[in-house]
Amino acid sequence: MRNDEKTLLKISSRKCTGCELCAAVCPSQILNMVFLSNKECARISKQNKCIGCLSCIEICESGAIRLIN
């Protein structure tokens, strides 16, 4: 979708529920789970590998992932 532009994502650890759905749907496998403040949260490990499909944003029920410019 945005392969001609740099796609930058931000994950709110406060909103993230640790459901792992974003990591499961990411075709580039750039999302992984880490423990922050005694809870599991998603983290972007390879931002430069994001292909901009936005599947992670679409599947996130808590609205923890957003696109930033």
Protein backbone atom coordinates (compact mmCIF):
# COMPACT_ATOMS: atom_id res chain seq x y z
CA MET A 1 0.00 0.00 0.00
CA ARG A 2 2.68 2.52 0.99
CA ASN A 3 5.75 0.90 -0.51
CA ASP A 4 6.94 4.22 -1.99
CA GLU A 5 6.89 5.94 1.41
CA LYS A 6 8.51 5.10 4.73
CA THR A 7 5.91 3.48 6.97
CA LEU A 8 6.39 4.27 10.64
CA LEU A 9 4.32 2.57 13.30
CA LYS A 10 3.97 3.34 16.98
CA ILE A 11 2.62 0.96 19.62
CA SER A 12 1.13 2.25 22.85
CA SER A 13 2.25 -0.09 25.63
CA ARG A 14 -0.53 1.36 27.76
CA LYS A 15 -3.22 0.30 25.27
CA CYS A 16 -1.65 -2.98 24.15
CA THR A 17 -3.36 -6.02 25.67
CA GLY A 18 -0.68 -8.53 24.64
CA CYS A 19 -3.07 -10.56 22.50
CA GLU A 20 -0.34 -11.22 19.89
CA LEU A 21 -2.73 -10.83 16.93
CA CYS A 22 -0.57 -8.12 15.36
CA ALA A 23 2.51 -10.34 15.46
CA ALA A 24 0.55 -13.23 13.97
CA VAL A 25 -0.70 -11.28 10.93
CA CYS A 26 2.49 -9.35 10.12
CA PRO A 27 3.86 -10.74 6.83
CA SER A 28 7.26 -9.13 7.51
CA GLN A 29 7.45 -10.58 11.04
CA ILE A 30 8.63 -7.27 12.51
CA LEU A 31 6.49 -7.45 15.64
CA ASN A 32 7.37 -9.44 18.73
CA MET A 33 6.18 -9.58 22.30
CA VAL A 34 8.13 -8.24 25.28
CA PHE A 35 7.41 -7.75 28.97
CA LEU A 36 7.02 -4.09 29.97
CA SER A 37 5.76 -2.96 33.35
CA ASN A 38 4.81 -6.53 34.31
CA LYS A 39 2.68 -7.16 31.25
CA GLU A 40 3.24 -8.52 27.77
CA CYS A 41 3.21 -5.92 24.99
CA ALA A 42 3.94 -5.82 21.27
CA ARG A 43 7.16 -4.20 20.11
CA ILE A 44 8.40 -3.28 16.65
CA SER A 45 11.78 -4.92 16.18
CA LYS A 46 12.60 -3.99 12.58
CA GLN A 47 10.76 -0.80 11.61
CA ASN A 48 12.72 -0.53 8.33
CA LYS A 49 11.37 -3.94 7.22
CA CYS A 50 7.71 -2.81 7.41
CA ILE A 51 6.03 -3.13 4.00
CA GLY A 52 3.14 -0.83 4.92
CA CYS A 53 0.31 -3.36 4.63
CA LEU A 54 -1.23 -2.02 7.87
CA SER A 55 -2.60 -5.47 8.80
CA CYS A 56 -1.42 -4.93 12.37
CA ILE A 57 -3.45 -1.72 12.70
CA GLU A 58 -6.55 -3.33 11.22
CA ILE A 59 -6.47 -6.34 13.55
CA CYS A 60 -5.63 -4.45 16.76
CA GLU A 61 -8.87 -4.32 18.74
CA SER A 62 -7.45 -2.05 21.44
CA GLY A 63 -6.23 0.61 19.02
CA ALA A 64 -2.68 0.35 20.37
CA ILE A 65 -0.98 0.58 16.98
CA ARG A 66 -1.02 3.71 14.88
CA LEU A 67 0.66 5.10 11.81
CA ILE A 68 2.85 8.14 12.37
CA ASN A 69 4.29 10.62 9.86
